[in-house]
Amino acid sequence: MGRGGHAGFADIEFGFADAEKESAENPALLLNAYLDETHLVDKALKGVPFLVLGYKGSGKTAIAERANLLQG
């Protein structure tokens, strides 16, 4: 804990740069700390099929890994 009992910068768990590794080693981060304001993962799992496109590093694998964890 930081000063005054508040969480400090050192207390923040940022996870891994690779979503596959994060899913394998610390799945709680993808399940509990992933911000999905538009409910993209729910739409992907329960809605009509669609394609997720994006640049390298934009989070496509994180979406897939989170979906796998939620299914599992």
N, C-alpha and C. Protein backbone atom coordinates (compact mmCIF):
# COMPACT_ATOMS: atom_id res chain seq x y z
N MET A 1 0.83 -1.19 0.00
CA MET A 1 0.00 0.00 0.00
C MET A 1 0.87 1.25 0.00
N GLY A 2 0.36 2.28 -0.64
CA GLY A 2 1.05 3.56 -0.68
C GLY A 2 0.78 4.36 0.58
N ARG A 3 1.07 5.62 0.52
CA ARG A 3 0.87 6.50 1.66
C ARG A 3 -0.60 6.62 2.02
N GLY A 4 -0.87 6.74 3.31
CA GLY A 4 -2.23 6.95 3.77
C GLY A 4 -3.14 5.76 3.57
N GLY A 5 -2.58 4.57 3.37
CA GLY A 5 -3.39 3.37 3.18
C GLY A 5 -3.99 3.23 1.81
N HIS A 6 -3.67 4.12 0.89
CA HIS A 6 -4.19 4.04 -0.47
C HIS A 6 -3.25 3.22 -1.33
N ALA A 7 -3.82 2.58 -2.34
CA ALA A 7 -2.99 1.82 -3.27
C ALA A 7 -2.08 2.77 -4.03
N GLY A 8 -0.84 2.39 -4.16
CA GLY A 8 0.12 3.19 -4.90
C GLY A 8 0.36 2.60 -6.28
N PHE A 9 1.13 3.31 -7.07
CA PHE A 9 1.44 2.87 -8.43
C PHE A 9 2.05 1.47 -8.44
N ALA A 10 2.90 1.18 -7.47
CA ALA A 10 3.56 -0.13 -7.40
C ALA A 10 2.56 -1.25 -7.10
N ASP A 11 1.39 -0.91 -6.58
CA ASP A 11 0.38 -1.91 -6.25
C ASP A 11 -0.49 -2.30 -7.45
N ILE A 12 -0.39 -1.57 -8.53
CA ILE A 12 -1.20 -1.84 -9.71
C ILE A 12 -0.62 -3.01 -10.47
N GLU A 13 -1.47 -3.97 -10.81
CA GLU A 13 -1.03 -5.13 -11.58
C GLU A 13 -1.44 -4.92 -13.03
N PHE A 14 -0.48 -4.67 -13.89
CA PHE A 14 -0.75 -4.34 -15.27
C PHE A 14 -0.93 -5.56 -16.16
N GLY A 15 -0.50 -6.70 -15.74
CA GLY A 15 -0.63 -7.90 -16.55
C GLY A 15 0.52 -8.06 -17.51
N PHE A 16 0.31 -8.89 -18.49
CA PHE A 16 1.35 -9.25 -19.45
C PHE A 16 1.12 -8.53 -20.78
N ALA A 17 2.16 -8.42 -21.57
CA ALA A 17 2.03 -7.82 -22.90
C ALA A 17 1.33 -8.77 -23.86
N ASP A 18 1.33 -10.06 -23.55
CA ASP A 18 0.75 -11.08 -24.40
C ASP A 18 -0.51 -11.65 -23.73
N ALA A 19 -1.66 -11.53 -24.39
CA ALA A 19 -2.93 -11.97 -23.80
C ALA A 19 -2.98 -13.48 -23.59
N GLU A 20 -2.32 -14.25 -24.44
CA GLU A 20 -2.31 -15.71 -24.26
C GLU A 20 -1.58 -16.08 -22.98
N LYS A 21 -0.46 -15.41 -22.73
CA LYS A 21 0.30 -15.67 -21.50
C LYS A 21 -0.50 -15.21 -20.28
N GLU A 22 -1.15 -14.07 -20.39
CA GLU A 22 -1.96 -13.58 -19.28
C GLU A 22 -3.10 -14.54 -18.97
N SER A 23 -3.74 -15.05 -19.99
CA SER A 23 -4.84 -16.00 -19.81
C SER A 23 -4.36 -17.26 -19.10
N ALA A 24 -3.16 -17.70 -19.44
CA ALA A 24 -2.62 -18.92 -18.84
C ALA A 24 -2.10 -18.70 -17.41
N GLU A 25 -1.45 -17.55 -17.17
CA GLU A 25 -0.78 -17.33 -15.89
C GLU A 25 -1.57 -16.49 -14.89
N ASN A 26 -2.44 -15.62 -15.37
CA ASN A 26 -3.22 -14.79 -14.45
C ASN A 26 -4.58 -14.47 -15.08
N PRO A 27 -5.43 -15.49 -15.23
CA PRO A 27 -6.71 -15.29 -15.90
C PRO A 27 -7.64 -14.32 -15.18
N ALA A 28 -7.44 -14.12 -13.89
CA ALA A 28 -8.29 -13.19 -13.14
C ALA A 28 -8.21 -11.78 -13.71
N LEU A 29 -7.07 -11.39 -14.26
CA LEU A 29 -6.96 -10.06 -14.84
C LEU A 29 -7.86 -9.91 -16.07
N LEU A 30 -7.91 -10.92 -16.91
CA LEU A 30 -8.79 -10.85 -18.08
C LEU A 30 -10.26 -10.95 -17.68
N LEU A 31 -10.54 -11.64 -16.60
CA LEU A 31 -11.93 -11.78 -16.17
C LEU A 31 -12.42 -10.59 -15.36
N ASN A 32 -11.56 -10.01 -14.54
CA ASN A 32 -12.01 -8.99 -13.59
C ASN A 32 -11.53 -7.57 -13.89
N ALA A 33 -10.48 -7.43 -14.68
CA ALA A 33 -9.92 -6.10 -14.90
C ALA A 33 -10.01 -5.65 -16.36
N TYR A 34 -10.64 -6.43 -17.18
CA TYR A 34 -10.78 -6.09 -18.61
C TYR A 34 -11.96 -5.14 -18.76
N LEU A 35 -11.74 -3.98 -19.34
CA LEU A 35 -12.79 -2.99 -19.54
C LEU A 35 -13.48 -3.24 -20.88
N ASP A 36 -14.74 -3.60 -20.83
CA ASP A 36 -15.51 -3.90 -22.02
C ASP A 36 -16.81 -3.11 -21.97
N GLU A 37 -16.69 -1.79 -22.14
CA GLU A 37 -17.86 -0.90 -22.01
C GLU A 37 -18.94 -1.18 -23.05
N THR A 38 -18.57 -1.66 -24.21
CA THR A 38 -19.55 -1.91 -25.27
C THR A 38 -20.05 -3.36 -25.27
N HIS A 39 -19.60 -4.15 -24.31
CA HIS A 39 -20.01 -5.56 -24.18
C HIS A 39 -19.69 -6.37 -25.43
N LEU A 40 -18.54 -6.08 -26.00
CA LEU A 40 -18.10 -6.74 -27.23
C LEU A 40 -18.00 -8.25 -27.05
N VAL A 41 -17.46 -8.69 -25.93
CA VAL A 41 -17.28 -10.13 -25.72
C VAL A 41 -18.64 -10.82 -25.63
N ASP A 42 -19.60 -10.23 -24.92
CA ASP A 42 -20.95 -10.81 -24.86
C ASP A 42 -21.58 -10.89 -26.24
N LYS A 43 -21.43 -9.84 -27.01
CA LYS A 43 -21.97 -9.82 -28.37
C LYS A 43 -21.32 -10.91 -29.23
N ALA A 44 -20.03 -11.10 -29.06
CA ALA A 44 -19.32 -12.12 -29.82
C ALA A 44 -19.77 -13.53 -29.43
N LEU A 45 -20.06 -13.72 -28.16
CA LEU A 45 -20.45 -15.04 -27.68
C LEU A 45 -21.93 -15.35 -27.94
N LYS A 46 -22.79 -14.34 -27.89
CA LYS A 46 -24.23 -14.60 -27.92
C LYS A 46 -24.94 -14.03 -29.14
N GLY A 47 -24.29 -13.14 -29.86
CA GLY A 47 -24.95 -12.49 -30.99
C GLY A 47 -24.66 -13.17 -32.31
N VAL A 48 -24.92 -12.44 -33.36
CA VAL A 48 -24.62 -12.96 -34.70
C VAL A 48 -23.11 -12.94 -34.91
N PRO A 49 -22.61 -13.85 -35.72
CA PRO A 49 -21.16 -13.88 -35.96
C PRO A 49 -20.66 -12.58 -36.59
N PHE A 50 -19.48 -12.17 -36.18
CA PHE A 50 -18.83 -11.00 -36.78
C PHE A 50 -17.33 -11.15 -36.68
N LEU A 51 -16.63 -10.33 -37.40
CA LEU A 51 -15.18 -10.37 -37.48
C LEU A 51 -14.58 -9.22 -36.69
N VAL A 52 -13.59 -9.52 -35.87
CA VAL A 52 -12.90 -8.49 -35.10
C VAL A 52 -11.62 -8.14 -35.85
N LEU A 53 -11.51 -6.90 -36.27
CA LEU A 53 -10.35 -6.42 -37.01
C LEU A 53 -9.63 -5.35 -36.20
N GLY A 54 -8.34 -5.27 -36.35
CA GLY A 54 -7.58 -4.22 -35.68
C GLY A 54 -6.10 -4.37 -35.95
N TYR A 55 -5.39 -3.32 -35.64
CA TYR A 55 -3.94 -3.34 -35.80
C TYR A 55 -3.31 -4.29 -34.80
N LYS A 56 -2.09 -4.67 -35.08
CA LYS A 56 -1.30 -5.49 -34.17
C LYS A 56 -1.21 -4.75 -32.83
N GLY A 57 -1.52 -5.47 -31.75
CA GLY A 57 -1.44 -4.88 -30.42
C GLY A 57 -2.69 -4.14 -29.97
N SER A 58 -3.76 -4.23 -30.77
CA SER A 58 -4.98 -3.49 -30.42
C SER A 58 -5.90 -4.24 -29.46
N GLY A 59 -5.62 -5.52 -29.20
CA GLY A 59 -6.40 -6.26 -28.21
C GLY A 59 -7.28 -7.36 -28.77
N LYS A 60 -7.08 -7.75 -30.02
CA LYS A 60 -7.90 -8.81 -30.61
C LYS A 60 -7.73 -10.12 -29.86
N THR A 61 -6.51 -10.49 -29.55
CA THR A 61 -6.27 -11.74 -28.83
C THR A 61 -6.83 -11.67 -27.42
N ALA A 62 -6.78 -10.51 -26.79
CA ALA A 62 -7.36 -10.36 -25.45
C ALA A 62 -8.86 -10.61 -25.49
N ILE A 63 -9.53 -10.15 -26.53
CA ILE A 63 -10.96 -10.41 -26.68
C ILE A 63 -11.21 -11.91 -26.78
N ALA A 64 -10.43 -12.58 -27.62
CA ALA A 64 -10.59 -14.03 -27.80
C ALA A 64 -10.27 -14.80 -26.53
N GLU A 65 -9.21 -14.43 -25.84
CA GLU A 65 -8.84 -15.12 -24.60
C GLU A 65 -9.88 -14.91 -23.51
N ARG A 66 -10.41 -13.69 -23.40
CA ARG A 66 -11.47 -13.43 -22.41
C ARG A 66 -12.71 -14.26 -22.75
N ALA A 67 -13.07 -14.31 -24.02
CA ALA A 67 -14.23 -15.11 -24.43
C ALA A 67 -14.02 -16.57 -24.07
N ASN A 68 -12.82 -17.10 -24.31
CA ASN A 68 -12.53 -18.49 -23.96
C ASN A 68 -12.66 -18.73 -22.46
N LEU A 69 -12.16 -17.79 -21.67
CA LEU A 69 -12.26 -17.94 -20.21
C LEU A 69 -13.71 -17.89 -19.74
N LEU A 70 -14.51 -17.02 -20.32
CA LEU A 70 -15.91 -16.91 -19.93
C LEU A 70 -16.71 -18.14 -20.35
N GLN A 71 -16.32 -18.76 -21.43
CA GLN A 71 -17.00 -19.98 -21.90
C GLN A 71 -16.65 -21.18 -21.04
N GLY A 72 -15.49 -21.12 -20.43
CA GLY A 72 -14.91 -22.26 -19.85
C GLY A 72 -15.10 -22.85 -18.61
